[in-house]
Amino acid sequence: MEKSDLNPRLDWPALKLELEELTEQELTEESIDGWLRRWTELAYQLIEYATLVHLATMVDTRDTEAQERYRQYIDTIDPQAKELDQRLKQVLLDSGIVPEGMEVPLRQMRGEAELYREENLPLQAKLAKLGMEYNEICGNWSVEWEGQQLPIAALRRFVENNDRIVREKAWRMGADRMKEDRARLSEIWQEMLELRLQVAENAGFDSFTDYTWQSWGRHDYSPQDAKTFQQAVLSVVTPALSRQLSRRSDSLGVDSLRPWDLTCDSEGRAPLQPFADAAELENRTGEVYKRLDERLGNWVSEMSRDRLFDLANRDGKAPGGFMTVLPQRWQPFIFMNAVGMSADVRVMLHECGHAFHVYQTGELPYMQQRDVPMEFSEVASMAMELLAAPYLTADNGGFYSAEDHARDHTSQLEYIIFTWVMIAIGDALQHWIYANPEQAKDAANVSAKYLELFRQYYPDVDTTGIEDEIAWNWQRVLHFFLYPFYYIDYGLAQLGAVQIWANSLEDEKQAVTQYLSGLALGGTATLPQLFETAGARFGFDEAIFGNAVELIEGRLAEMAG
């Protein structure tokens, strides 16, 4: 995508007039299909514009013109668009008509309509601007390493170095750089928390947790279920992680594991370097997906042809990785910060899973049907990391020798265990924050709680002398700042993904077919129905974790010989 594509044009007065005309139309059984299609068409013009002007601030956080364009959108267009969106939702809901395939989307729309308050629009605009500042700060995190200025994300490859001294140096250097912005990030945090509490209060909620549950459309599980998830991880997954870390400690020959010992190769081998640059990552990913299923490979080829990837890490680029949709053309766009590591391959496979979800929902006629719950959206991505794994060898057009592939797959499965624990910590932290908002306004209290949870869920990691650095590490997790409570989604989805992977070990073709069938439903089914169609069970209890952990540990034992 060219830079000029990120400076789109929008005739907002004309588009607004057309949307207003829709609010004045009387809906009937005969007219509603055309009305919904037209709403979708007009809304997608606006959403694509907003997506592109926001992307411009992400690909270069130092582009002041892009920042200003996005601020203008937030200040002028977005509030008007939200007001119109609310009116259109109300027209549809008041009609009492339930078009085919809209039962579940209408459930979500009712919840959104109930939350809407005009007085929240300026507060949400302030939150968006604070989010921009957060991204700008994090995007400028760089350090000097051996005479070269590197984005902080590039330190990851040194934290995986087989020299423990190098690993510790890189870890501490990153922590020290983040510490420089701790004060401002703490101010942003307090401002955001106060705004969120006010938004919830304006909408008639005593709790931001309950407000957000409805905002995310979590109709199929409760905040109490999230606590069941946290406890199941503590009871089942943390002991599995302890077993895993004990083996790692023995292999490394260290008395205690430090944070910089957790991702390096446990046998002291140099980090894997599966690709040289972003172009190679893109090309090899396409080859891998052609081997798994021709449709998947064709979709990656289309994205390459249309330049829908921005993969390389660079100074001034916002952190993280994500897939976003360009809805007018109904195509995905993948953004990430690749630095040549095996973790980057998994991020690429993950985001391609999201992209495949876009392609699979393209036949659904209405935008509301394409709005997928996050918990299942992440199944699409996480399952792809596992389904594609057998094809990552060089003889399949992939990245690794047979030996390195076994090493990478071992790391992948170990990381799933690690990730569930990390997600439980993040989810527990957010439940504490919004149950104790006055305490949580002071970022130091959040840090103290984070350290407490870290020690509870990672009892085998030695934090002696680095308590401060560990405690404040939550500030680098963008979800806490930008997407509150969007964290457990990953953990629930990983459970679904492992079940789909288990299916593939029995019948790969059937597992992929079921997976794609689930994706094709978009948001037209409940979470349990989506999981079931894809070949999994939606759950968060100790039994489902026990089955998943047993499969992973069994597979790891097989590979270890």
Protein backbone atom coordinates (compact mmCIF):
# COMPACT_ATOMS: atom_id res chain seq x y z
CA MET A 1 0.00 0.00 0.00
CA GLU A 2 1.37 3.39 -0.98
CA LYS A 3 1.56 6.31 1.44
CA SER A 4 -0.93 8.18 -0.75
CA ASP A 5 -3.47 5.42 -0.03
CA LEU A 6 -3.31 6.39 3.63
CA ASN A 7 -4.54 9.91 2.86
CA PRO A 8 -7.99 9.11 1.45
CA ARG A 9 -10.72 11.54 0.49
CA LEU A 10 -14.20 11.52 2.00
CA ASP A 11 -17.18 13.71 1.13
CA TRP A 12 -18.66 13.54 4.60
CA PRO A 13 -21.55 16.01 4.05
CA ALA A 14 -22.81 13.97 1.08
CA LEU A 15 -22.36 10.65 2.89
CA LYS A 16 -24.04 12.02 5.99
CA LEU A 17 -27.03 13.15 3.92
CA GLU A 18 -27.45 9.66 2.46
CA LEU A 19 -27.30 8.08 5.91
CA GLU A 20 -29.86 10.56 7.21
CA GLU A 21 -32.18 9.63 4.35
CA LEU A 22 -31.98 6.01 5.48
CA THR A 23 -33.17 7.00 8.96
CA GLU A 24 -36.35 8.42 7.44
CA GLN A 25 -37.36 5.32 5.49
CA GLU A 26 -40.14 3.10 6.78
CA LEU A 27 -39.06 -0.52 6.96
CA THR A 28 -41.16 -3.42 5.73
CA GLU A 29 -40.49 -7.10 5.18
CA GLU A 30 -40.07 -6.30 1.49
CA SER A 31 -37.76 -3.28 1.84
CA ILE A 32 -35.49 -4.32 4.68
CA ASP A 33 -33.00 -6.32 2.61
CA GLY A 34 -32.24 -3.37 0.33
CA TRP A 35 -32.15 -1.00 3.29
CA LEU A 36 -29.60 -3.14 5.18
CA ARG A 37 -27.45 -3.55 2.08
CA ARG A 38 -27.44 0.22 1.49
CA TRP A 39 -26.57 0.91 5.13
CA THR A 40 -23.70 -1.55 4.81
CA GLU A 41 -22.45 0.10 1.62
CA LEU A 42 -22.54 3.62 3.08
CA ALA A 43 -21.10 2.63 6.45
CA TYR A 44 -18.20 0.86 4.76
CA GLN A 45 -17.24 4.06 2.94
CA LEU A 46 -16.81 5.76 6.30
CA ILE A 47 -15.18 2.82 8.06
CA GLU A 48 -12.59 2.38 5.32
CA TYR A 49 -11.74 6.08 5.49
CA ALA A 50 -11.36 5.89 9.27
CA THR A 51 -9.25 2.73 9.00
CA LEU A 52 -6.85 4.29 6.51
CA VAL A 53 -6.36 7.57 8.38
CA HIS A 54 -5.72 5.58 11.55
CA LEU A 55 -3.27 3.26 9.78
CA ALA A 56 -1.33 6.31 8.66
CA THR A 57 -0.64 7.15 12.31
CA MET A 58 0.54 3.59 12.96
CA VAL A 59 2.92 3.07 10.04
CA ASP A 60 4.74 6.29 11.00
CA THR A 61 4.10 7.64 14.48
CA ARG A 62 6.18 10.72 13.61
CA ASP A 63 3.95 11.79 10.71
CA THR A 64 2.40 14.91 12.24
CA GLU A 65 0.09 15.49 9.27
CA ALA A 66 -1.34 12.00 9.65
CA GLN A 67 -1.81 12.57 13.37
CA GLU A 68 -3.70 15.77 12.68
CA ARG A 69 -5.94 14.14 10.06
CA TYR A 70 -6.89 11.43 12.52
CA ARG A 71 -7.54 13.98 15.28
CA GLN A 72 -9.81 15.92 12.95
CA TYR A 73 -11.72 12.73 12.16
CA ILE A 74 -12.10 11.98 15.88
CA ASP A 75 -13.23 15.52 16.68
CA THR A 76 -15.56 16.24 13.77
CA ILE A 77 -16.77 13.19 11.85
CA ASP A 78 -16.74 10.37 14.39
CA PRO A 79 -19.24 11.91 16.86
CA GLN A 80 -21.69 12.65 14.06
CA ALA A 81 -21.23 9.16 12.62
CA LYS A 82 -21.89 7.51 15.98
CA GLU A 83 -25.06 9.55 16.44
CA LEU A 84 -26.29 8.49 13.00
CA ASP A 85 -25.35 4.88 13.65
CA GLN A 86 -27.43 4.95 16.82
CA ARG A 87 -30.43 6.36 14.95
CA LEU A 88 -30.16 3.70 12.26
CA LYS A 89 -29.93 0.93 14.86
CA GLN A 90 -33.03 2.29 16.52
CA VAL A 91 -34.93 2.37 13.22
CA LEU A 92 -34.11 -1.30 12.68
CA LEU A 93 -34.87 -2.33 16.26
CA ASP A 94 -38.14 -0.37 16.33
CA SER A 95 -39.30 -2.11 13.15
CA GLY A 96 -39.49 -5.42 14.98
CA ILE A 97 -38.38 -7.17 11.79
CA VAL A 98 -35.82 -9.97 12.16
CA PRO A 99 -34.28 -10.77 8.76
CA GLU A 100 -32.86 -14.23 8.22
CA GLY A 101 -29.41 -14.59 9.75
CA MET A 102 -29.82 -11.46 11.89
CA GLU A 103 -31.05 -12.99 15.15
CA VAL A 104 -27.65 -12.94 16.87
CA PRO A 105 -26.49 -9.62 15.33
CA LEU A 106 -29.72 -7.99 16.54
CA ARG A 107 -28.95 -9.22 20.06
CA GLN A 108 -25.65 -7.38 19.83
CA MET A 109 -27.27 -4.26 18.37
CA ARG A 110 -29.78 -4.08 21.22
CA GLY A 111 -26.92 -4.11 23.68
CA GLU A 112 -25.04 -1.40 21.80
CA ALA A 113 -28.16 0.77 21.49
CA GLU A 114 -28.74 0.52 25.23
CA LEU A 115 -25.19 1.77 25.89
CA TYR A 116 -25.32 4.80 23.61
CA ARG A 117 -25.20 8.19 25.32
CA GLU A 118 -24.52 11.40 23.44
CA GLU A 119 -22.61 12.80 26.41
CA ASN A 120 -20.10 9.95 26.04
CA LEU A 121 -19.03 10.95 22.54
CA PRO A 122 -16.54 13.65 23.64
CA LEU A 123 -15.23 11.32 26.36
CA GLN A 124 -14.65 8.57 23.80
CA ALA A 125 -12.89 11.09 21.57
CA LYS A 126 -10.56 11.98 24.45
CA LEU A 127 -9.85 8.28 25.01
CA ALA A 128 -8.97 7.88 21.33
CA LYS A 129 -6.52 10.80 21.50
CA LEU A 130 -4.89 9.42 24.62
CA GLY A 131 -4.57 6.12 22.80
CA MET A 132 -2.78 7.91 19.98
CA GLU A 133 -0.34 9.40 22.46
CA TYR A 134 0.25 5.98 24.02
CA ASN A 135 1.07 4.54 20.59
CA GLU A 136 3.31 7.49 19.80
CA ILE A 137 5.29 7.02 23.02
CA CYS A 138 5.70 3.28 22.50
CA GLY A 139 6.51 3.73 18.82
CA ASN A 140 9.47 5.90 19.78
CA TRP A 141 10.99 3.35 22.15
CA SER A 142 14.46 2.73 20.77
CA VAL A 143 17.90 2.02 22.24
CA GLU A 144 21.51 2.12 21.12
CA TRP A 145 22.90 -1.39 20.84
CA GLU A 146 26.57 -1.70 19.94
CA GLY A 147 26.52 1.60 18.08
CA GLN A 148 23.26 0.98 16.25
CA GLN A 149 19.92 2.60 17.09
CA LEU A 150 17.31 -0.16 17.34
CA PRO A 151 13.57 -0.15 18.03
CA ILE A 152 12.96 -1.83 21.36
CA ALA A 153 11.15 -4.69 19.62
CA ALA A 154 14.43 -5.59 17.91
CA LEU A 155 15.93 -6.42 21.32
CA ARG A 156 13.83 -9.59 21.34
CA ARG A 157 16.41 -11.43 19.29
CA PHE A 158 19.12 -10.60 21.83
CA VAL A 159 16.91 -11.72 24.73
CA GLU A 160 16.93 -15.11 22.96
CA ASN A 161 20.73 -15.16 22.62
CA ASN A 162 22.46 -18.27 23.98
CA ASP A 163 24.80 -16.05 26.05
CA ARG A 164 23.09 -15.31 29.37
CA ILE A 165 25.02 -12.07 29.82
CA VAL A 166 23.77 -10.78 26.46
CA ARG A 167 20.22 -11.80 27.31
CA GLU A 168 20.25 -9.97 30.62
CA LYS A 169 21.80 -6.87 29.08
CA ALA A 170 19.10 -6.71 26.39
CA TRP A 171 16.29 -7.33 28.88
CA ARG A 172 17.53 -4.63 31.25
CA MET A 173 18.14 -2.18 28.42
CA GLY A 174 14.54 -2.51 27.27
CA ALA A 175 13.22 -2.12 30.81
CA ASP A 176 15.38 0.98 31.37
CA ARG A 177 14.12 2.61 28.17
CA MET A 178 10.49 2.04 29.13
CA LYS A 179 11.17 3.49 32.56
CA GLU A 180 11.91 6.87 30.94
CA ASP A 181 8.24 7.21 29.94
CA ARG A 182 6.77 5.69 33.08
CA ALA A 183 5.58 9.00 34.51
CA ARG A 184 3.72 10.13 31.39
CA LEU A 185 2.23 6.69 30.81
CA SER A 186 1.00 6.76 34.41
CA GLU A 187 -0.69 10.11 33.76
CA ILE A 188 -2.30 8.75 30.59
CA TRP A 189 -3.46 5.71 32.56
CA GLN A 190 -5.14 7.82 35.22
CA GLU A 191 -6.85 10.01 32.63
CA MET A 192 -8.08 6.97 30.72
CA LEU A 193 -9.38 5.23 33.82
CA GLU A 194 -11.30 8.31 34.96
CA LEU A 195 -12.82 8.72 31.50
CA ARG A 196 -13.86 5.06 31.35
CA LEU A 197 -15.53 5.23 34.73
CA GLN A 198 -17.45 8.32 33.62
CA VAL A 199 -18.52 6.63 30.36
CA ALA A 200 -19.90 3.67 32.32
CA GLU A 201 -21.67 5.92 34.82
CA ASN A 202 -23.25 7.99 32.04
CA ALA A 203 -24.59 4.77 30.52
CA GLY A 204 -26.22 3.80 33.81
CA PHE A 205 -23.66 1.25 35.05
CA ASP A 206 -22.16 1.08 38.52
CA SER A 207 -19.30 -1.03 37.17
CA PHE A 208 -17.07 -0.51 34.14
CA THR A 209 -16.71 -4.30 34.07
CA ASP A 210 -20.43 -4.74 33.44
CA TYR A 211 -20.45 -1.90 30.92
CA THR A 212 -17.58 -3.44 28.98
CA TRP A 213 -19.12 -6.91 29.08
CA GLN A 214 -22.15 -5.51 27.27
CA SER A 215 -20.00 -3.36 25.00
CA TRP A 216 -18.00 -6.40 23.84
CA GLY A 217 -21.24 -8.32 23.35
CA ARG A 218 -20.34 -11.06 25.82
CA HIS A 219 -23.78 -12.62 26.03
CA ASP A 220 -22.57 -16.22 26.29
CA TYR A 221 -20.40 -15.98 29.44
CA SER A 222 -20.09 -13.77 32.50
CA PRO A 223 -17.41 -11.99 34.56
CA GLN A 224 -17.71 -14.87 37.03
CA ASP A 225 -16.88 -17.29 34.21
CA ALA A 226 -13.73 -15.25 33.60
CA LYS A 227 -12.74 -15.86 37.21
CA THR A 228 -13.39 -19.57 36.67
CA PHE A 229 -10.94 -19.32 33.76
CA GLN A 230 -8.33 -17.65 35.97
CA GLN A 231 -8.68 -20.33 38.66
CA ALA A 232 -8.54 -23.16 36.11
CA VAL A 233 -5.28 -21.77 34.77
CA LEU A 234 -3.87 -21.53 38.28
CA SER A 235 -4.96 -25.09 39.10
CA VAL A 236 -4.08 -26.85 35.84
CA VAL A 237 -1.78 -24.75 33.67
CA THR A 238 0.56 -23.20 36.23
CA PRO A 239 1.64 -26.68 37.46
CA ALA A 240 2.27 -27.66 33.82
CA LEU A 241 4.34 -24.52 33.38
CA SER A 242 6.29 -25.38 36.53
CA ARG A 243 7.13 -28.79 35.07
CA GLN A 244 8.17 -27.11 31.84
CA LEU A 245 10.36 -24.54 33.61
CA SER A 246 11.98 -27.23 35.76
CA ARG A 247 13.15 -28.99 32.59
CA ARG A 248 14.36 -25.66 31.22
CA SER A 249 16.32 -24.87 34.36
CA ASP A 250 18.00 -28.28 34.23
CA SER A 251 18.86 -27.89 30.53
CA LEU A 252 20.30 -24.42 31.02
CA GLY A 253 22.20 -25.53 34.11
CA VAL A 254 21.03 -22.59 36.23
CA ASP A 255 19.92 -22.60 39.85
CA SER A 256 17.06 -20.18 39.23
CA LEU A 257 15.29 -18.91 36.14
CA ARG A 258 15.26 -15.19 35.46
CA PRO A 259 12.90 -13.44 33.01
CA TRP A 260 15.64 -13.40 30.37
CA ASP A 261 15.93 -17.20 30.58
CA LEU A 262 12.37 -17.96 29.48
CA THR A 263 12.52 -17.69 25.68
CA CYS A 264 16.09 -18.61 24.76
CA ASP A 265 16.85 -22.10 23.49
CA SER A 266 17.09 -24.37 26.51
CA GLU A 267 19.97 -26.31 24.96
CA GLY A 268 22.05 -23.22 24.35
CA ARG A 269 21.63 -23.12 20.58
CA ALA A 270 21.60 -19.82 18.73
CA PRO A 271 18.17 -18.29 18.02
CA LEU A 272 16.46 -19.50 14.88
CA GLN A 273 16.61 -17.06 11.99
CA PRO A 274 13.89 -18.35 9.67
CA PHE A 275 13.90 -15.45 7.20
CA ALA A 276 16.12 -12.58 6.15
CA ASP A 277 13.57 -9.87 5.45
CA ALA A 278 9.87 -9.10 5.22
CA ALA A 279 9.66 -10.13 1.57
CA GLU A 280 10.92 -13.62 2.39
CA LEU A 281 8.47 -13.89 5.29
CA GLU A 282 5.62 -12.96 2.97
CA ASN A 283 6.64 -15.31 0.16
CA ARG A 284 7.32 -18.35 2.32
CA THR A 285 4.06 -17.87 4.21
CA GLY A 286 2.22 -18.04 0.90
CA GLU A 287 3.96 -21.31 0.03
CA VAL A 288 3.11 -22.83 3.42
CA TYR A 289 -0.56 -22.05 3.03
CA LYS A 290 -0.68 -23.45 -0.50
CA ARG A 291 0.44 -26.80 0.97
CA LEU A 292 -2.19 -26.71 3.71
CA ASP A 293 -5.11 -25.68 1.48
CA GLU A 294 -5.03 -24.10 -1.97
CA ARG A 295 -7.68 -21.54 -1.04
CA LEU A 296 -5.52 -20.21 1.76
CA GLY A 297 -2.50 -19.87 -0.49
CA ASN A 298 -4.54 -18.01 -3.09
CA TRP A 299 -5.73 -15.53 -0.49
CA VAL A 300 -2.15 -14.79 0.60
CA SER A 301 -1.20 -14.33 -3.06
CA GLU A 302 -4.02 -11.83 -3.49
CA MET A 303 -2.83 -9.87 -0.47
CA SER A 304 0.72 -9.82 -1.82
CA ARG A 305 -0.48 -8.68 -5.23
CA ASP A 306 -2.51 -5.85 -3.70
CA ARG A 307 0.25 -4.87 -1.23
CA LEU A 308 -1.79 -5.58 1.86
CA PHE A 309 1.17 -6.32 4.13
CA ASP A 310 3.34 -3.98 6.23
CA LEU A 311 5.56 -6.46 8.03
CA ALA A 312 9.01 -5.03 8.79
CA ASN A 313 9.94 -3.45 12.11
CA ARG A 314 11.35 0.07 11.80
CA ASP A 315 11.99 3.11 13.92
CA GLY A 316 8.90 5.27 14.34
CA LYS A 317 6.47 2.44 13.65
CA ALA A 318 3.76 1.73 16.22
CA PRO A 319 4.28 -1.46 18.26
CA GLY A 320 2.42 -4.72 17.89
CA GLY A 321 0.84 -6.71 15.13
CA PHE A 322 -2.73 -6.85 13.89
CA MET A 323 -5.03 -7.48 10.97
CA THR A 324 -7.56 -4.84 10.02
CA VAL A 325 -10.27 -4.84 7.36
CA LEU A 326 -10.62 -2.47 4.43
CA PRO A 327 -14.38 -2.94 4.17
CA GLN A 328 -15.22 -1.17 0.93
CA ARG A 329 -13.05 -3.62 -0.98
CA TRP A 330 -13.55 -6.32 1.71
CA GLN A 331 -9.88 -7.12 1.97
CA PRO A 332 -7.63 -7.63 4.99
CA PHE A 333 -4.47 -5.66 5.78
CA ILE A 334 -1.74 -7.08 8.02
CA PHE A 335 0.54 -4.87 10.13
CA MET A 336 3.39 -6.24 12.26
CA ASN A 337 6.96 -5.65 13.42
CA ALA A 338 9.03 -8.54 12.10
CA VAL A 339 12.72 -8.72 13.02
CA GLY A 340 13.64 -12.14 11.63
CA MET A 341 12.65 -14.40 14.52
CA SER A 342 10.60 -17.57 14.72
CA ALA A 343 8.04 -15.67 16.81
CA ASP A 344 7.48 -13.45 13.78
CA VAL A 345 6.53 -16.48 11.71
CA ARG A 346 3.87 -17.38 14.25
CA VAL A 347 2.56 -13.80 14.31
CA MET A 348 2.31 -13.89 10.53
CA LEU A 349 0.45 -17.21 10.57
CA HIS A 350 -1.81 -15.81 13.30
CA GLU A 351 -2.71 -12.64 11.43
CA CYS A 352 -3.29 -14.61 8.23
CA GLY A 353 -5.88 -16.61 10.16
CA HIS A 354 -7.71 -13.35 10.80
CA ALA A 355 -7.37 -12.50 7.12
CA PHE A 356 -8.90 -15.83 6.11
CA HIS A 357 -11.84 -15.00 8.36
CA VAL A 358 -12.39 -11.85 6.31
CA TYR A 359 -12.40 -13.78 3.06
CA GLN A 360 -14.74 -16.46 4.44
CA THR A 361 -17.35 -13.91 5.56
CA GLY A 362 -17.39 -11.98 2.30
CA GLU A 363 -20.60 -13.64 1.08
CA LEU A 364 -22.65 -12.44 4.06
CA PRO A 365 -24.76 -9.50 2.84
CA TYR A 366 -24.93 -7.25 5.92
CA MET A 367 -22.09 -5.70 7.91
CA GLN A 368 -23.68 -6.75 11.21
CA GLN A 369 -23.41 -10.40 10.13
CA ARG A 370 -19.70 -9.99 9.49
CA ASP A 371 -19.04 -8.64 12.98
CA VAL A 372 -17.46 -11.67 14.68
CA PRO A 373 -17.16 -12.01 18.48
CA MET A 374 -13.55 -11.58 19.56
CA GLU A 375 -13.39 -14.94 21.30
CA PHE A 376 -14.06 -16.72 18.01
CA SER A 377 -12.14 -14.25 15.88
CA GLU A 378 -9.04 -15.34 17.78
CA VAL A 379 -9.85 -19.01 17.16
CA ALA A 380 -9.45 -18.25 13.46
CA SER A 381 -5.95 -16.90 14.03
CA MET A 382 -4.66 -19.22 16.74
CA ALA A 383 -5.85 -22.36 15.00
CA MET A 384 -3.90 -21.33 11.91
CA GLU A 385 -0.66 -21.21 13.90
CA LEU A 386 -1.17 -24.90 14.70
CA LEU A 387 -2.74 -26.10 11.45
CA ALA A 388 0.09 -24.61 9.39
CA ALA A 389 2.84 -25.99 11.64
CA PRO A 390 3.41 -29.27 9.72
CA TYR A 391 4.20 -27.31 6.56
CA LEU A 392 6.86 -24.96 7.92
CA THR A 393 9.75 -27.10 6.65
CA ALA A 394 11.84 -25.94 3.71
CA ASP A 395 10.73 -28.87 1.56
CA ASN A 396 7.20 -27.44 1.78
CA GLY A 397 8.41 -23.98 0.80
CA GLY A 398 8.62 -23.00 4.46
CA PHE A 399 11.28 -21.76 6.81
CA TYR A 400 13.06 -24.62 8.61
CA SER A 401 15.15 -27.74 8.29
CA ALA A 402 13.58 -30.83 9.85
CA GLU A 403 15.69 -30.37 12.99
CA ASP A 404 14.87 -26.68 13.33
CA HIS A 405 11.21 -27.37 12.66
CA ALA A 406 11.04 -29.80 15.58
CA ARG A 407 12.75 -27.21 17.72
CA ASP A 408 10.30 -24.50 16.63
CA HIS A 409 7.24 -26.70 17.18
CA THR A 410 8.46 -27.56 20.67
CA SER A 411 8.82 -23.86 21.40
CA GLN A 412 5.36 -23.21 19.96
CA LEU A 413 3.65 -25.76 22.21
CA GLU A 414 5.57 -24.63 25.28
CA TYR A 415 4.56 -21.06 24.50
CA ILE A 416 0.85 -22.00 24.52
CA ILE A 417 1.24 -23.10 28.15
CA PHE A 418 3.14 -19.91 28.92
CA THR A 419 0.52 -17.79 27.14
CA TRP A 420 -2.44 -19.16 29.09
CA VAL A 421 -0.70 -18.14 32.29
CA MET A 422 0.15 -14.69 30.91
CA ILE A 423 -3.47 -14.18 29.81
CA ALA A 424 -4.83 -15.21 33.21
CA ILE A 425 -2.54 -12.64 34.85
CA GLY A 426 -3.69 -9.90 32.48
CA ASP A 427 -7.35 -10.79 32.93
CA ALA A 428 -7.07 -11.00 36.72
CA LEU A 429 -5.27 -7.64 36.76
CA GLN A 430 -8.06 -5.94 34.83
CA HIS A 431 -10.78 -7.43 37.03
CA TRP A 432 -8.88 -6.07 40.04
CA ILE A 433 -8.46 -2.65 38.40
CA TYR A 434 -12.13 -2.14 37.66
CA ALA A 435 -13.26 -3.61 40.99
CA ASN A 436 -10.91 -1.16 42.76
CA PRO A 437 -10.85 1.86 40.43
CA GLU A 438 -9.87 4.47 43.02
CA GLN A 439 -6.79 2.47 44.00
CA ALA A 440 -6.03 1.70 40.36
CA LYS A 441 -5.91 5.36 39.35
CA ASP A 442 -2.45 5.34 40.93
CA ALA A 443 -0.34 3.35 38.47
CA ALA A 444 1.98 2.34 41.30
CA ASN A 445 -0.87 0.35 42.86
CA VAL A 446 -1.51 -1.39 39.54
CA SER A 447 2.18 -2.25 39.39
CA ALA A 448 2.09 -3.71 42.90
CA LYS A 449 -0.89 -5.87 41.96
CA TYR A 450 0.79 -6.98 38.74
CA LEU A 451 3.89 -8.09 40.64
CA GLU A 452 1.71 -10.00 43.12
CA LEU A 453 -0.08 -11.82 40.29
CA PHE A 454 3.19 -12.50 38.46
CA ARG A 455 4.61 -14.24 41.51
CA GLN A 456 1.39 -16.19 42.04
CA TYR A 457 1.13 -17.50 38.48
CA TYR A 458 4.89 -17.72 37.76
CA PRO A 459 6.21 -19.06 41.08
CA ASP A 460 9.30 -20.54 39.41
CA VAL A 461 10.63 -17.25 37.97
CA ASP A 462 13.15 -15.45 40.19
CA THR A 463 12.35 -11.71 40.43
CA THR A 464 15.02 -10.87 43.03
CA GLY A 465 16.43 -7.38 42.45
CA ILE A 466 14.20 -6.67 39.46
CA GLU A 467 10.88 -6.35 41.25
CA ASP A 468 10.44 -2.78 40.02
CA GLU A 469 11.03 -3.67 36.37
CA ILE A 470 8.64 -6.63 36.52
CA ALA A 471 5.98 -4.65 38.37
CA TRP A 472 5.81 -1.93 35.73
CA ASN A 473 5.93 -4.25 32.73
CA TRP A 474 2.12 -4.02 32.41
CA GLN A 475 2.56 -0.57 30.86
CA ARG A 476 3.88 -2.10 27.65
CA VAL A 477 0.70 -4.20 27.19
CA LEU A 478 -1.32 -2.07 24.80
CA HIS A 479 -4.57 -3.94 25.53
CA PHE A 480 -4.75 -2.49 29.04
CA PHE A 481 -4.56 1.03 27.64
CA LEU A 482 -6.46 0.68 24.37
CA TYR A 483 -8.76 -2.36 24.62
CA PRO A 484 -9.86 -2.95 28.22
CA PHE A 485 -10.85 -6.54 29.00
CA TYR A 486 -9.82 -7.70 25.51
CA TYR A 487 -7.43 -10.34 26.84
CA ILE A 488 -9.33 -13.40 28.03
CA ASP A 489 -10.50 -13.69 24.42
CA TYR A 490 -7.05 -15.03 23.52
CA GLY A 491 -7.16 -17.65 26.26
CA LEU A 492 -10.62 -18.93 25.37
CA ALA A 493 -9.72 -18.94 21.69
CA GLN A 494 -6.51 -20.87 22.37
CA LEU A 495 -8.61 -23.60 23.95
CA GLY A 496 -10.68 -23.73 20.76
CA ALA A 497 -7.56 -23.72 18.59
CA VAL A 498 -5.97 -26.63 20.46
CA GLN A 499 -9.16 -28.66 19.98
CA ILE A 500 -9.16 -27.93 16.23
CA TRP A 501 -5.49 -28.92 16.11
CA ALA A 502 -6.36 -32.17 17.91
CA ASN A 503 -8.95 -32.83 15.19
CA SER A 504 -6.31 -32.25 12.52
CA LEU A 505 -4.06 -34.91 14.04
CA GLU A 506 -6.86 -37.38 13.26
CA ASP A 507 -8.06 -35.99 9.90
CA GLU A 508 -6.41 -32.80 8.67
CA LYS A 509 -8.64 -32.22 5.65
CA GLN A 510 -11.81 -32.61 7.70
CA ALA A 511 -10.44 -30.33 10.43
CA VAL A 512 -9.67 -27.56 7.92
CA THR A 513 -13.13 -27.97 6.36
CA GLN A 514 -14.81 -27.65 9.76
CA TYR A 515 -12.60 -24.68 10.62
CA LEU A 516 -13.57 -22.83 7.43
CA SER A 517 -17.24 -23.68 7.98
CA GLY A 518 -17.09 -22.03 11.38
CA LEU A 519 -15.43 -18.95 9.93
CA ALA A 520 -18.07 -18.64 7.21
CA LEU A 521 -20.80 -18.11 9.84
CA GLY A 522 -19.35 -14.71 10.71
CA GLY A 523 -21.34 -13.32 13.62
CA THR A 524 -24.62 -15.06 12.80
CA ALA A 525 -24.32 -17.69 15.55
CA THR A 526 -23.65 -17.76 19.29
CA LEU A 527 -20.18 -18.51 20.65
CA PRO A 528 -21.05 -22.13 21.55
CA GLN A 529 -22.49 -22.62 18.04
CA LEU A 530 -19.44 -21.08 16.35
CA PHE A 531 -17.04 -23.26 18.33
CA GLU A 532 -19.11 -26.37 17.67
CA THR A 533 -19.28 -25.74 13.91
CA ALA A 534 -15.50 -25.33 13.85
CA GLY A 535 -15.07 -28.61 15.74
CA ALA A 536 -14.52 -27.43 19.32
CA ARG A 537 -16.31 -26.89 22.63
CA PHE A 538 -16.66 -23.43 24.15
CA GLY A 539 -15.57 -23.61 27.78
CA PHE A 540 -13.18 -22.39 30.47
CA ASP A 541 -13.24 -25.06 33.18
CA GLU A 542 -10.54 -27.31 34.59
CA ALA A 543 -11.69 -30.30 32.50
CA ILE A 544 -11.21 -28.56 29.16
CA PHE A 545 -7.83 -27.20 30.26
CA GLY A 546 -6.84 -30.64 31.50
CA ASN A 547 -7.52 -32.22 28.10
CA ALA A 548 -5.59 -29.50 26.29
CA VAL A 549 -2.58 -29.66 28.62
CA GLU A 550 -2.51 -33.46 28.40
CA LEU A 551 -2.38 -33.30 24.60
CA ILE A 552 0.37 -30.67 24.57
CA GLU A 553 2.53 -32.39 27.18
CA GLY A 554 2.08 -35.71 25.40
CA ARG A 555 3.18 -34.21 22.11
CA LEU A 556 6.19 -32.56 23.75
CA ALA A 557 7.19 -35.88 25.32
CA GLU A 558 6.97 -37.59 21.90
CA MET A 559 9.23 -34.99 20.29
CA ALA A 560 11.70 -35.17 23.16
CA GLY A 561 12.00 -38.91 22.48
